[in-house]
PDB file of N, CA and C in Angstrom:
ATOM      1  N   MET A   1       0.856  -1.177   0.000  1.00  0.00           N
ATOM      2  CA  MET A   1       0.000   0.000   0.000  1.00  0.00           C
ATOM      3  C   MET A   1       0.898   1.236   0.000  1.00  0.00           C
ATOM      4  N   LEU A   2       0.495   2.232  -0.739  1.00  0.00           N
ATOM      5  CA  LEU A   2       1.223   3.491  -0.821  1.00  0.00           C
ATOM      6  C   LEU A   2       0.328   4.602  -0.303  1.00  0.00           C
ATOM      7  N   LYS A   3       0.829   5.342   0.677  1.00  0.00           N
ATOM      8  CA  LYS A   3       0.097   6.487   1.216  1.00  0.00           C
ATOM      9  C   LYS A   3       0.849   7.759   0.838  1.00  0.00           C
ATOM     10  N   LEU A   4       0.119   8.708   0.282  1.00  0.00           N
ATOM     11  CA  LEU A   4       0.664  10.011  -0.064  1.00  0.00           C
ATOM     12  C   LEU A   4      -0.104  11.062   0.710  1.00  0.00           C
ATOM     13  N   ARG A   5       0.570  12.138   1.086  1.00  0.00           N
ATOM     14  CA  ARG A   5      -0.094  13.224   1.820  1.00  0.00           C
ATOM     15  C   ARG A   5       0.414  14.551   1.277  1.00  0.00           C
ATOM     16  N   TYR A   6      -0.539  15.420   0.904  1.00  0.00           N
ATOM     17  CA  TYR A   6      -0.202  16.753   0.406  1.00  0.00           C
ATOM     18  C   TYR A   6      -1.241  17.738   0.929  1.00  0.00           C
ATOM     19  N   ARG A   7      -0.763  18.785   1.576  1.00  0.00           N
ATOM     20  CA  ARG A   7      -1.630  19.837   2.117  1.00  0.00           C
ATOM     21  C   ARG A   7      -2.786  19.257   2.939  1.00  0.00           C
ATOM     22  N   ASP A   8      -2.486  18.436   3.895  1.00  0.00           N
ATOM     23  CA  ASP A   8      -3.456  17.850   4.827  1.00  0.00           C
ATOM     24  C   ASP A   8      -4.488  16.941   4.168  1.00  0.00           C
ATOM     25  N   LYS A   9      -4.203  16.472   2.961  1.00  0.00           N
ATOM     26  CA  LYS A   9      -5.099  15.523   2.307  1.00  0.00           C
ATOM     27  C   LYS A   9      -4.335  14.237   2.033  1.00  0.00           C
ATOM     28  N   ASP A  10      -4.968  13.097   2.352  1.00  0.00           N
ATOM     29  CA  ASP A  10      -4.352  11.794   2.157  1.00  0.00           C
ATOM     30  C   ASP A  10      -4.829  11.151   0.866  1.00  0.00           C
ATOM     31  N   TYR A  11      -3.917  10.465   0.206  1.00  0.00           N
ATOM     32  CA  TYR A  11      -4.202   9.707  -1.012  1.00  0.00           C
ATOM     33  C   TYR A  11      -3.646   8.313  -0.775  1.00  0.00           C
ATOM     34  N   VAL A  12      -4.478   7.278  -0.902  1.00  0.00           N
ATOM     35  CA  VAL A  12      -4.055   5.907  -0.641  1.00  0.00           C
ATOM     36  C   VAL A  12      -4.194   5.108  -1.927  1.00  0.00           C
ATOM     37  N   ARG A  13      -3.156   4.374  -2.263  1.00  0.00           N
ATOM     38  CA  ARG A  13      -3.150   3.524  -3.447  1.00  0.00           C
ATOM     39  C   ARG A  13      -2.863   2.103  -2.995  1.00  0.00           C
ATOM     40  N   ARG A  14      -3.732   1.148  -3.406  1.00  0.00           N
ATOM     41  CA  ARG A  14      -3.607  -0.230  -2.938  1.00  0.00           C
ATOM     42  C   ARG A  14      -3.381  -1.243  -4.050  1.00  0.00           C
ATOM     43  N   ARG A  15      -3.909  -1.015  -5.230  1.00  0.00           N
ATOM     44  CA  ARG A  15      -3.881  -2.016  -6.293  1.00  0.00           C
ATOM     45  C   ARG A  15      -2.760  -1.738  -7.294  1.00  0.00           C
ATOM     46  N   ASP A  16      -2.344  -2.803  -8.002  1.00  0.00           N
ATOM     47  CA  ASP A  16      -1.287  -2.665  -9.004  1.00  0.00           C
ATOM     48  C   ASP A  16      -1.629  -1.645 -10.081  1.00  0.00           C
ATOM     49  N   SER A  17      -2.893  -1.544 -10.427  1.00  0.00           N
ATOM     50  CA  SER A  17      -3.296  -0.625 -11.494  1.00  0.00           C
ATOM     51  C   SER A  17      -3.629   0.769 -10.969  1.00  0.00           C
ATOM     52  N   ASP A  18      -3.422   1.012  -9.711  1.00  0.00           N
ATOM     53  CA  ASP A  18      -3.787   2.274  -9.072  1.00  0.00           C
ATOM     54  C   ASP A  18      -2.639   3.272  -9.205  1.00  0.00           C
ATOM     55  N   SER A  19      -2.826   4.311 -10.013  1.00  0.00           N
ATOM     56  CA  SER A  19      -1.780   5.315 -10.183  1.00  0.00           C
ATOM     57  C   SER A  19      -2.366   6.700  -9.963  1.00  0.00           C
ATOM     58  N   ILE A  20      -1.480   7.674  -9.774  1.00  0.00           N
ATOM     59  CA  ILE A  20      -1.905   9.051  -9.573  1.00  0.00           C
ATOM     60  C   ILE A  20      -0.852   9.955 -10.208  1.00  0.00           C
ATOM     61  N   THR A  21      -1.311  11.028 -10.850  1.00  0.00           N
ATOM     62  CA  THR A  21      -0.398  11.981 -11.475  1.00  0.00           C
ATOM     63  C   THR A  21      -0.225  13.184 -10.566  1.00  0.00           C
ATOM     64  N   LEU A  22       1.006  13.627 -10.452  1.00  0.00           N
ATOM     65  CA  LEU A  22       1.360  14.773  -9.632  1.00  0.00           C
ATOM     66  C   LEU A  22       1.780  15.900 -10.580  1.00  0.00           C
ATOM     67  N   GLY A  23       1.222  17.092 -10.402  1.00  0.00           N
ATOM     68  CA  GLY A  23       1.596  18.220 -11.257  1.00  0.00           C
ATOM     69  C   GLY A  23       0.790  19.453 -10.917  1.00  0.00           C
ATOM     70  N   ARG A  24       1.071  20.544 -11.630  1.00  0.00           N
ATOM     71  CA  ARG A  24       0.378  21.785 -11.310  1.00  0.00           C
ATOM     72  C   ARG A  24      -0.945  21.962 -12.061  1.00  0.00           C
ATOM     73  N   ASP A  25      -1.250  21.056 -12.992  1.00  0.00           N
ATOM     74  CA  ASP A  25      -2.534  21.101 -13.688  1.00  0.00           C
ATOM     75  C   ASP A  25      -3.654  20.727 -12.713  1.00  0.00           C
ATOM     76  N   GLU A  26      -4.752  21.442 -12.771  1.00  0.00           N
ATOM     77  CA  GLU A  26      -5.865  21.198 -11.839  1.00  0.00           C
ATOM     78  C   GLU A  26      -6.480  19.817 -12.002  1.00  0.00           C
ATOM     79  N   ASN A  27      -6.275  19.172 -13.145  1.00  0.00           N
ATOM     80  CA  ASN A  27      -6.841  17.841 -13.375  1.00  0.00           C
ATOM     81  C   ASN A  27      -5.952  16.712 -12.861  1.00  0.00           C
ATOM     82  N   CYS A  28      -4.791  17.028 -12.322  1.00  0.00           N
ATOM     83  CA  CYS A  28      -3.913  15.997 -11.756  1.00  0.00           C
ATOM     84  C   CYS A  28      -4.533  15.449 -10.476  1.00  0.00           C
ATOM     85  N   GLY A  29      -4.229  14.204 -10.181  1.00  0.00           N
ATOM     86  CA  GLY A  29      -4.712  13.601  -8.939  1.00  0.00           C
ATOM     87  C   GLY A  29      -4.215  14.343  -7.715  1.00  0.00           C
ATOM     88  N   ILE A  30      -2.962  14.797  -7.769  1.00  0.00           N
ATOM     89  CA  ILE A  30      -2.411  15.666  -6.722  1.00  0.00           C
ATOM     90  C   ILE A  30      -2.009  16.961  -7.408  1.00  0.00           C
ATOM     91  N   HIS A  31      -2.812  17.985  -7.206  1.00  0.00           N
ATOM     92  CA  HIS A  31      -2.589  19.300  -7.806  1.00  0.00           C
ATOM     93  C   HIS A  31      -1.607  20.067  -6.931  1.00  0.00           C
ATOM     94  N   VAL A  32      -0.354  20.157  -7.393  1.00  0.00           N
ATOM     95  CA  VAL A  32       0.719  20.796  -6.636  1.00  0.00           C
ATOM     96  C   VAL A  32       0.762  22.281  -6.967  1.00  0.00           C
ATOM     97  N   HIS A  33       0.771  23.107  -5.954  1.00  0.00           N
ATOM     98  CA  HIS A  33       0.783  24.562  -6.124  1.00  0.00           C
ATOM     99  C   HIS A  33       2.226  25.072  -6.084  1.00  0.00           C
ATOM    100  N   ASP A  34       2.978  24.696  -7.118  1.00  0.00           N
ATOM    101  CA  ASP A  34       4.392  25.045  -7.171  1.00  0.00           C
ATOM    102  C   ASP A  34       4.737  25.434  -8.603  1.00  0.00           C
ATOM    103  N   ASP A  35       5.276  26.629  -8.795  1.00  0.00           N
ATOM    104  CA  ASP A  35       5.631  27.102 -10.124  1.00  0.00           C
ATOM    105  C   ASP A  35       6.729  26.265 -10.774  1.00  0.00           C
ATOM    106  N   GLN A  36       7.510  25.553  -9.990  1.00  0.00           N
ATOM    107  CA  GLN A  36       8.558  24.716 -10.556  1.00  0.00           C
ATOM    108  C   GLN A  36       8.045  23.346 -11.000  1.00  0.00           C
ATOM    109  N   ALA A  37       6.802  23.038 -10.688  1.00  0.00           N
ATOM    110  CA  ALA A  37       6.212  21.772 -11.132  1.00  0.00           C
ATOM    111  C   ALA A  37       5.720  21.927 -12.568  1.00  0.00           C
ATOM    112  N   SER A  38       5.855  20.872 -13.342  1.00  0.00           N
ATOM    113  CA  SER A  38       5.277  20.850 -14.679  1.00  0.00           C
ATOM    114  C   SER A  38       3.775  20.624 -14.550  1.00  0.00           C
ATOM    115  N   ARG A  39       3.055  20.874 -15.625  1.00  0.00           N
ATOM    116  CA  ARG A  39       1.606  20.647 -15.574  1.00  0.00           C
ATOM    117  C   ARG A  39       1.314  19.192 -15.197  1.00  0.00           C
ATOM    118  N   HIS A  40       2.026  18.261 -15.777  1.00  0.00           N
ATOM    119  CA  HIS A  40       1.929  16.836 -15.429  1.00  0.00           C
ATOM    120  C   HIS A  40       3.352  16.389 -15.118  1.00  0.00           C
ATOM    121  N   HIS A  41       3.743  16.481 -13.877  1.00  0.00           N
ATOM    122  CA  HIS A  41       5.142  16.315 -13.494  1.00  0.00           C
ATOM    123  C   HIS A  41       5.590  14.852 -13.506  1.00  0.00           C
ATOM    124  N   CYS A  42       4.828  13.988 -12.865  1.00  0.00           N
ATOM    125  CA  CYS A  42       5.185  12.569 -12.849  1.00  0.00           C
ATOM    126  C   CYS A  42       3.954  11.752 -12.497  1.00  0.00           C
ATOM    127  N   THR A  43       4.058  10.458 -12.724  1.00  0.00           N
ATOM    128  CA  THR A  43       3.006   9.518 -12.357  1.00  0.00           C
ATOM    129  C   THR A  43       3.566   8.564 -11.318  1.00  0.00           C
ATOM    130  N   ILE A  44       2.791   8.336 -10.273  1.00  0.00           N
ATOM    131  CA  ILE A  44       3.187   7.422  -9.213  1.00  0.00           C
ATOM    132  C   ILE A  44       2.270   6.209  -9.300  1.00  0.00           C
ATOM    133  N   GLU A  45       2.876   5.039  -9.450  1.00  0.00           N
ATOM    134  CA  GLU A  45       2.115   3.800  -9.547  1.00  0.00           C
ATOM    135  C   GLU A  45       2.250   3.023  -8.248  1.00  0.00           C
ATOM    136  N   ALA A  46       1.180   2.360  -7.872  1.00  0.00           N
ATOM    137  CA  ALA A  46       1.227   1.617  -6.613  1.00  0.00           C
ATOM    138  C   ALA A  46       0.445   0.326  -6.724  1.00  0.00           C
ATOM    139  N   PRO A  47       0.869  -0.692  -5.916  1.00  0.00           N
ATOM    140  CA  PRO A  47       2.241  -0.825  -5.491  1.00  0.00           C
ATOM    141  C   PRO A  47       3.128  -1.126  -6.690  1.00  0.00           C
ATOM    142  N   PRO A  48       4.381  -1.031  -6.642  1.00  0.00           N
ATOM    143  CA  PRO A  48       5.268  -0.879  -5.510  1.00  0.00           C
ATOM    144  C   PRO A  48       5.733   0.545  -5.255  1.00  0.00           C
ATOM    145  N   GLY A  49       5.037   1.551  -5.722  1.00  0.00           N
ATOM    146  CA  GLY A  49       5.478   2.918  -5.492  1.00  0.00           C
ATOM    147  C   GLY A  49       6.468   3.375  -6.545  1.00  0.00           C
ATOM    148  N   GLN A  50       6.308   2.866  -7.760  1.00  0.00           N
ATOM    149  CA  GLN A  50       7.214   3.258  -8.835  1.00  0.00           C
ATOM    150  C   GLN A  50       6.806   4.624  -9.373  1.00  0.00           C
ATOM    151  N   ILE A  51       7.784   5.479  -9.573  1.00  0.00           N
ATOM    152  CA  ILE A  51       7.536   6.812 -10.109  1.00  0.00           C
ATOM    153  C   ILE A  51       8.186   6.911 -11.474  1.00  0.00           C
ATOM    154  N   ARG A  52       7.468   7.482 -12.430  1.00  0.00           N
ATOM    155  CA  ARG A  52       8.059   7.716 -13.738  1.00  0.00           C
ATOM    156  C   ARG A  52       7.715   9.125 -14.192  1.00  0.00           C
ATOM    157  N   PRO A  53       8.630   9.769 -14.916  1.00  0.00           N
ATOM    158  CA  PRO A  53       8.329  11.091 -15.447  1.00  0.00           C
ATOM    159  C   PRO A  53       7.128  11.001 -16.382  1.00  0.00           C
ATOM    160  N   TYR A  54       6.363  12.058 -16.466  1.00  0.00           N
ATOM    161  CA  TYR A  54       5.178  12.044 -17.313  1.00  0.00           C
ATOM    162  C   TYR A  54       5.553  11.878 -18.779  1.00  0.00           C
ATOM    163  N   ARG A  55       6.635  12.509 -19.211  1.00  0.00           N
ATOM    164  CA  ARG A  55       7.132  12.388 -20.572  1.00  0.00           C
ATOM    165  C   ARG A  55       8.617  12.038 -20.495  1.00  0.00           C
ATOM    166  N   PRO A  56       9.096  11.162 -21.389  1.00  0.00           N
ATOM    167  CA  PRO A  56      10.523  10.811 -21.354  1.00  0.00           C
ATOM    168  C   PRO A  56      11.437  12.022 -21.549  1.00  0.00           C
ATOM    169  N   GLN A  57      11.003  13.022 -22.311  1.00  0.00           N
ATOM    170  CA  GLN A  57      11.837  14.192 -22.559  1.00  0.00           C
ATOM    171  C   GLN A  57      11.622  15.278 -21.509  1.00  0.00           C
ATOM    172  N   HIS A  58      11.013  14.929 -20.417  1.00  0.00           N
ATOM    173  CA  HIS A  58      10.680  15.874 -19.348  1.00  0.00           C
ATOM    174  C   HIS A  58      11.912  16.659 -18.915  1.00  0.00           C
ATOM    175  N   GLN A  59      11.828  17.976 -18.894  1.00  0.00           N
ATOM    176  CA  GLN A  59      12.975  18.814 -18.559  1.00  0.00           C
ATOM    177  C   GLN A  59      13.053  19.161 -17.077  1.00  0.00           C
ATOM    178  N   ARG A  60      11.943  19.120 -16.374  1.00  0.00           N
ATOM    179  CA  ARG A  60      11.966  19.438 -14.945  1.00  0.00           C
ATOM    180  C   ARG A  60      12.214  18.169 -14.161  1.00  0.00           C
ATOM    181  N   HIS A  61      12.666  18.306 -12.955  1.00  0.00           N
ATOM    182  CA  HIS A  61      13.047  17.129 -12.195  1.00  0.00           C
ATOM    183  C   HIS A  61      12.296  17.050 -10.870  1.00  0.00           C
ATOM    184  N   LEU A  62      12.495  15.952 -10.207  1.00  0.00           N
ATOM    185  CA  LEU A  62      11.832  15.650  -8.948  1.00  0.00           C
ATOM    186  C   LEU A  62      12.917  15.419  -7.910  1.00  0.00           C
ATOM    187  N   ARG A  63      12.644  15.829  -6.685  1.00  0.00           N
ATOM    188  CA  ARG A  63      13.588  15.565  -5.603  1.00  0.00           C
ATOM    189  C   ARG A  63      12.941  14.625  -4.607  1.00  0.00           C
ATOM    190  N   LYS A  64      13.717  13.650  -4.167  1.00  0.00           N
ATOM    191  CA  LYS A  64      13.246  12.640  -3.218  1.00  0.00           C
ATOM    192  C   LYS A  64      14.124  12.723  -1.983  1.00  0.00           C
ATOM    193  N   ARG A  65      13.506  12.645  -0.834  1.00  0.00           N
ATOM    194  CA  ARG A  65      14.267  12.632   0.426  1.00  0.00           C
ATOM    195  C   ARG A  65      13.742  11.476   1.267  1.00  0.00           C
ATOM    196  N   ALA A  66      14.609  10.497   1.518  1.00  0.00           N
ATOM    197  CA  ALA A  66      14.199   9.370   2.346  1.00  0.00           C
ATOM    198  C   ALA A  66      15.340   8.419   2.578  1.00  0.00           C
ATOM    199  N   PRO A  67      15.482   7.877   3.749  1.00  0.00           N
ATOM    200  CA  PRO A  67      15.178   8.547   4.999  1.00  0.00           C
ATOM    201  C   PRO A  67      16.308   9.475   5.407  1.00  0.00           C
ATOM    202  N   ALA A  68      17.398   9.444   4.643  1.00  0.00           N
ATOM    203  CA  ALA A  68      18.548  10.303   4.963  1.00  0.00           C
ATOM    204  C   ALA A  68      18.171  11.775   4.797  1.00  0.00           C
ATOM    205  N   PRO A  69      18.869  12.660   5.455  1.00  0.00           N
ATOM    206  CA  PRO A  69      18.523  14.080   5.401  1.00  0.00           C
ATOM    207  C   PRO A  69      18.988  14.787   4.137  1.00  0.00           C
ATOM    208  N   THR A  70      19.406  14.042   3.112  1.00  0.00           N
ATOM    209  CA  THR A  70      19.828  14.686   1.872  1.00  0.00           C
ATOM    210  C   THR A  70      18.840  14.390   0.758  1.00  0.00           C
ATOM    211  N   ASP A  71      18.661  15.362  -0.130  1.00  0.00           N
ATOM    212  CA  ASP A  71      17.772  15.198  -1.273  1.00  0.00           C
ATOM    213  C   ASP A  71      18.479  14.421  -2.377  1.00  0.00           C
ATOM    214  N   VAL A  72      17.707  13.650  -3.126  1.00  0.00           N
ATOM    215  CA  VAL A  72      18.201  12.962  -4.305  1.00  0.00           C
ATOM    216  C   VAL A  72      17.497  13.584  -5.495  1.00  0.00           C
ATOM    217  N   LEU A  73      18.270  14.075  -6.447  1.00  0.00           N
ATOM    218  CA  LEU A  73      17.717  14.674  -7.650  1.00  0.00           C
ATOM    219  C   LEU A  73      17.452  13.579  -8.664  1.00  0.00           C
ATOM    220  N   VAL A  74      16.224  13.493  -9.158  1.00  0.00           N
ATOM    221  CA  VAL A  74      15.836  12.458 -10.111  1.00  0.00           C
ATOM    222  C   VAL A  74      15.497  13.141 -11.424  1.00  0.00           C
ATOM    223  N   GLN A  75      16.173  12.746 -12.494  1.00  0.00           N
ATOM    224  CA  GLN A  75      15.926  13.331 -13.800  1.00  0.00           C
ATOM    225  C   GLN A  75      15.682  12.238 -14.819  1.00  0.00           C
ATOM    226  N   ARG A  76      14.515  12.250 -15.432  1.00  0.00           N
ATOM    227  CA  ARG A  76      14.183  11.409 -16.580  1.00  0.00           C
ATOM    228  C   ARG A  76      14.262   9.905 -16.353  1.00  0.00           C
ATOM    229  N   GLU A  77      14.409   9.446 -15.148  1.00  0.00           N
ATOM    230  CA  GLU A  77      14.457   8.006 -14.941  1.00  0.00           C
ATOM    231  C   GLU A  77      13.342   7.574 -13.995  1.00  0.00           C
ATOM    232  N   GLU A  78      13.064   6.275 -14.031  1.00  0.00           N
ATOM    233  CA  GLU A  78      12.084   5.716 -13.114  1.00  0.00           C
ATOM    234  C   GLU A  78      12.801   5.305 -11.843  1.00  0.00           C
ATOM    235  N   PHE A  79      12.075   5.326 -10.734  1.00  0.00           N
ATOM    236  CA  PHE A  79      12.634   4.825  -9.487  1.00  0.00           C
ATOM    237  C   PHE A  79      11.503   4.330  -8.614  1.00  0.00           C
ATOM    238  N   VAL A  80      11.845   3.541  -7.620  1.00  0.00           N
ATOM    239  CA  VAL A  80      10.856   2.929  -6.737  1.00  0.00           C
ATOM    240  C   VAL A  80      10.984   3.551  -5.352  1.00  0.00           C
ATOM    241  N   LEU A  81       9.853   3.940  -4.795  1.00  0.00           N
ATOM    242  CA  LEU A  81       9.820   4.475  -3.437  1.00  0.00           C
ATOM    243  C   LEU A  81       9.867   3.332  -2.438  1.00  0.00           C
ATOM    244  N   THR A  82      10.585   3.541  -1.355  1.00  0.00           N
ATOM    245  CA  THR A  82      10.615   2.575  -0.262  1.00  0.00           C
ATOM    246  C   THR A  82      10.526   3.342   1.052  1.00  0.00           C
ATOM    247  N   GLY A  83       9.980   2.709   2.057  1.00  0.00           N
ATOM    248  CA  GLY A  83       9.920   3.326   3.380  1.00  0.00           C
ATOM    249  C   GLY A  83       9.084   4.594   3.406  1.00  0.00           C
ATOM    250  N   LYS A  84       9.624   5.628   4.046  1.00  0.00           N
ATOM    251  CA  LYS A  84       8.936   6.920   4.171  1.00  0.00           C
ATOM    252  C   LYS A  84       9.849   8.016   3.656  1.00  0.00           C
ATOM    253  N   GLY A  85       9.235   9.095   3.169  1.00  0.00           N
ATOM    254  CA  GLY A  85      10.035  10.214   2.696  1.00  0.00           C
ATOM    255  C   GLY A  85       9.172  11.314   2.122  1.00  0.00           C
ATOM    256  N   THR A  86       9.806  12.197   1.359  1.00  0.00           N
ATOM    257  CA  THR A  86       9.102  13.322   0.759  1.00  0.00           C
ATOM    258  C   THR A  86       9.486  13.462  -0.708  1.00  0.00           C
ATOM    259  N   LEU A  87       8.596  14.099  -1.454  1.00  0.00           N
ATOM    260  CA  LEU A  87       8.832  14.426  -2.861  1.00  0.00           C
ATOM    261  C   LEU A  87       8.577  15.911  -3.046  1.00  0.00           C
ATOM    262  N   THR A  88       9.426  16.573  -3.799  1.00  0.00           N
ATOM    263  CA  THR A  88       9.209  17.968  -4.166  1.00  0.00           C
ATOM    264  C   THR A  88       9.485  18.105  -5.652  1.00  0.00           C
ATOM    265  N   CYS A  89       8.905  19.104  -6.263  1.00  0.00           N
ATOM    266  CA  CYS A  89       9.037  19.319  -7.699  1.00  0.00           C
ATOM    267  C   CYS A  89      10.131  20.339  -7.994  1.00  0.00           C
ATOM    268  N   GLY A  90      11.336  19.863  -8.185  1.00  0.00           N
ATOM    269  CA  GLY A  90      12.409  20.714  -8.653  1.00  0.00           C
ATOM    270  C   GLY A  90      13.267  21.384  -7.606  1.00  0.00           C
ATOM    271  N   GLN A  91      12.749  21.652  -6.450  1.00  0.00           N
ATOM    272  CA  GLN A  91      13.553  22.354  -5.450  1.00  0.00           C
ATOM    273  C   GLN A  91      13.687  21.515  -4.184  1.00  0.00           C
ATOM    274  N   PRO A  92      14.742  21.756  -3.423  1.00  0.00           N
ATOM    275  CA  PRO A  92      14.933  20.990  -2.191  1.00  0.00           C
ATOM    276  C   PRO A  92      13.789  21.212  -1.203  1.00  0.00           C
ATOM    277  N   ALA A  93      13.548  20.216  -0.381  1.00  0.00           N
ATOM    278  CA  ALA A  93      12.459  20.298   0.602  1.00  0.00           C
ATOM    279  C   ALA A  93      12.634  21.477   1.554  1.00  0.00           C
ATOM    280  N   VAL A  94      13.868  21.855   1.830  1.00  0.00           N
ATOM    281  CA  VAL A  94      14.105  22.982   2.739  1.00  0.00           C
ATOM    282  C   VAL A  94      13.754  24.319   2.100  1.00  0.00           C
ATOM    283  N   SER A  95      13.538  24.341   0.769  1.00  0.00           N
ATOM    284  CA  SER A  95      13.258  25.583   0.051  1.00  0.00           C
ATOM    285  C   SER A  95      11.791  25.780  -0.306  1.00  0.00           C
ATOM    286  N   THR A  96      10.926  24.834   0.046  1.00  0.00           N
ATOM    287  CA  THR A  96       9.523  24.928  -0.359  1.00  0.00           C
ATOM    288  C   THR A  96       8.594  24.364   0.709  1.00  0.00           C
ATOM    289  N   LYS A  97       7.367  24.825   0.680  1.00  0.00           N
ATOM    290  CA  LYS A  97       6.330  24.262   1.544  1.00  0.00           C
ATOM    291  C   LYS A  97       5.470  23.262   0.771  1.00  0.00           C
ATOM    292  N   GLU A  98       5.702  23.160  -0.537  1.00  0.00           N
ATOM    293  CA  GLU A  98       4.918  22.283  -1.406  1.00  0.00           C
ATOM    294  C   GLU A  98       5.561  20.898  -1.419  1.00  0.00           C
ATOM    295  N   ILE A  99       5.288  20.128  -0.381  1.00  0.00           N
ATOM    296  CA  ILE A  99       5.925  18.830  -0.165  1.00  0.00           C
ATOM    297  C   ILE A  99       4.878  17.727  -0.157  1.00  0.00           C
ATOM    298  N   VAL A 100       5.137  16.678  -0.899  1.00  0.00           N
ATOM    299  CA  VAL A 100       4.298  15.471  -0.879  1.00  0.00           C
ATOM    300  C   VAL A 100       5.023  14.447  -0.013  1.00  0.00           C
ATOM    301  N   GLU A 101       4.386  14.017   1.057  1.00  0.00           N
ATOM    302  CA  GLU A 101       4.942  12.980   1.930  1.00  0.00           C
ATOM    303  C   GLU A 101       4.479  11.630   1.417  1.00  0.00           C
ATOM    304  N   TYR A 102       5.337  10.610   1.513  1.00  0.00           N
ATOM    305  CA  TYR A 102       4.925   9.274   1.123  1.00  0.00           C
ATOM    306  C   TYR A 102       5.335   8.244   2.167  1.00  0.00           C
ATOM    307  N   SER A 103       4.599   7.137   2.140  1.00  0.00           N
ATOM    308  CA  SER A 103       4.886   6.011   3.019  1.00  0.00           C
ATOM    309  C   SER A 103       4.495   4.738   2.273  1.00  0.00           C
ATOM    310  N   VAL A 104       5.437   3.850   2.101  1.00  0.00           N
ATOM    311  CA  VAL A 104       5.177   2.568   1.445  1.00  0.00           C
ATOM    312  C   VAL A 104       5.061   1.525   2.542  1.00  0.00           C
ATOM    313  N   LEU A 105       3.904   0.898   2.619  1.00  0.00           N
ATOM    314  CA  LEU A 105       3.644  -0.095   3.656  1.00  0.00           C
ATOM    315  C   LEU A 105       3.495  -1.466   3.016  1.00  0.00           C
ATOM    316  N   THR A 106       4.166  -2.451   3.564  1.00  0.00           N
ATOM    317  CA  THR A 106       4.029  -3.818   3.063  1.00  0.00           C
ATOM    318  C   THR A 106       2.944  -4.514   3.849  1.00  0.00           C
ATOM    319  N   THR A 107       2.237  -5.403   3.169  1.00  0.00           N
ATOM    320  CA  THR A 107       1.147  -6.132   3.844  1.00  0.00           C
ATOM    321  C   THR A 107       1.468  -7.591   3.971  1.00  0.00           C
TER     322      THR A 107
END
């Protein structure tokens, strides 16, 4: 199970086909209020919490922090979320309030 939290709202994904798009477009599953986010920044699939850029040629990047206190810059590649952490669109978590928290729970 994948739990996401943004601006005091929880999003839970349980099935293999359950995905959500993160971006600044109002039609995204998680509408991020960040000028550095693309309209459709990335798609998060669950389980296992795999994240992929919305477009392969995507120019903006995503930052992941978990569990170490350093950000990991992700550009144009897929990666799998594990444990707990945060996602931000383009800027370090210390530089923005627009943070998506995640938690991957095994059943």
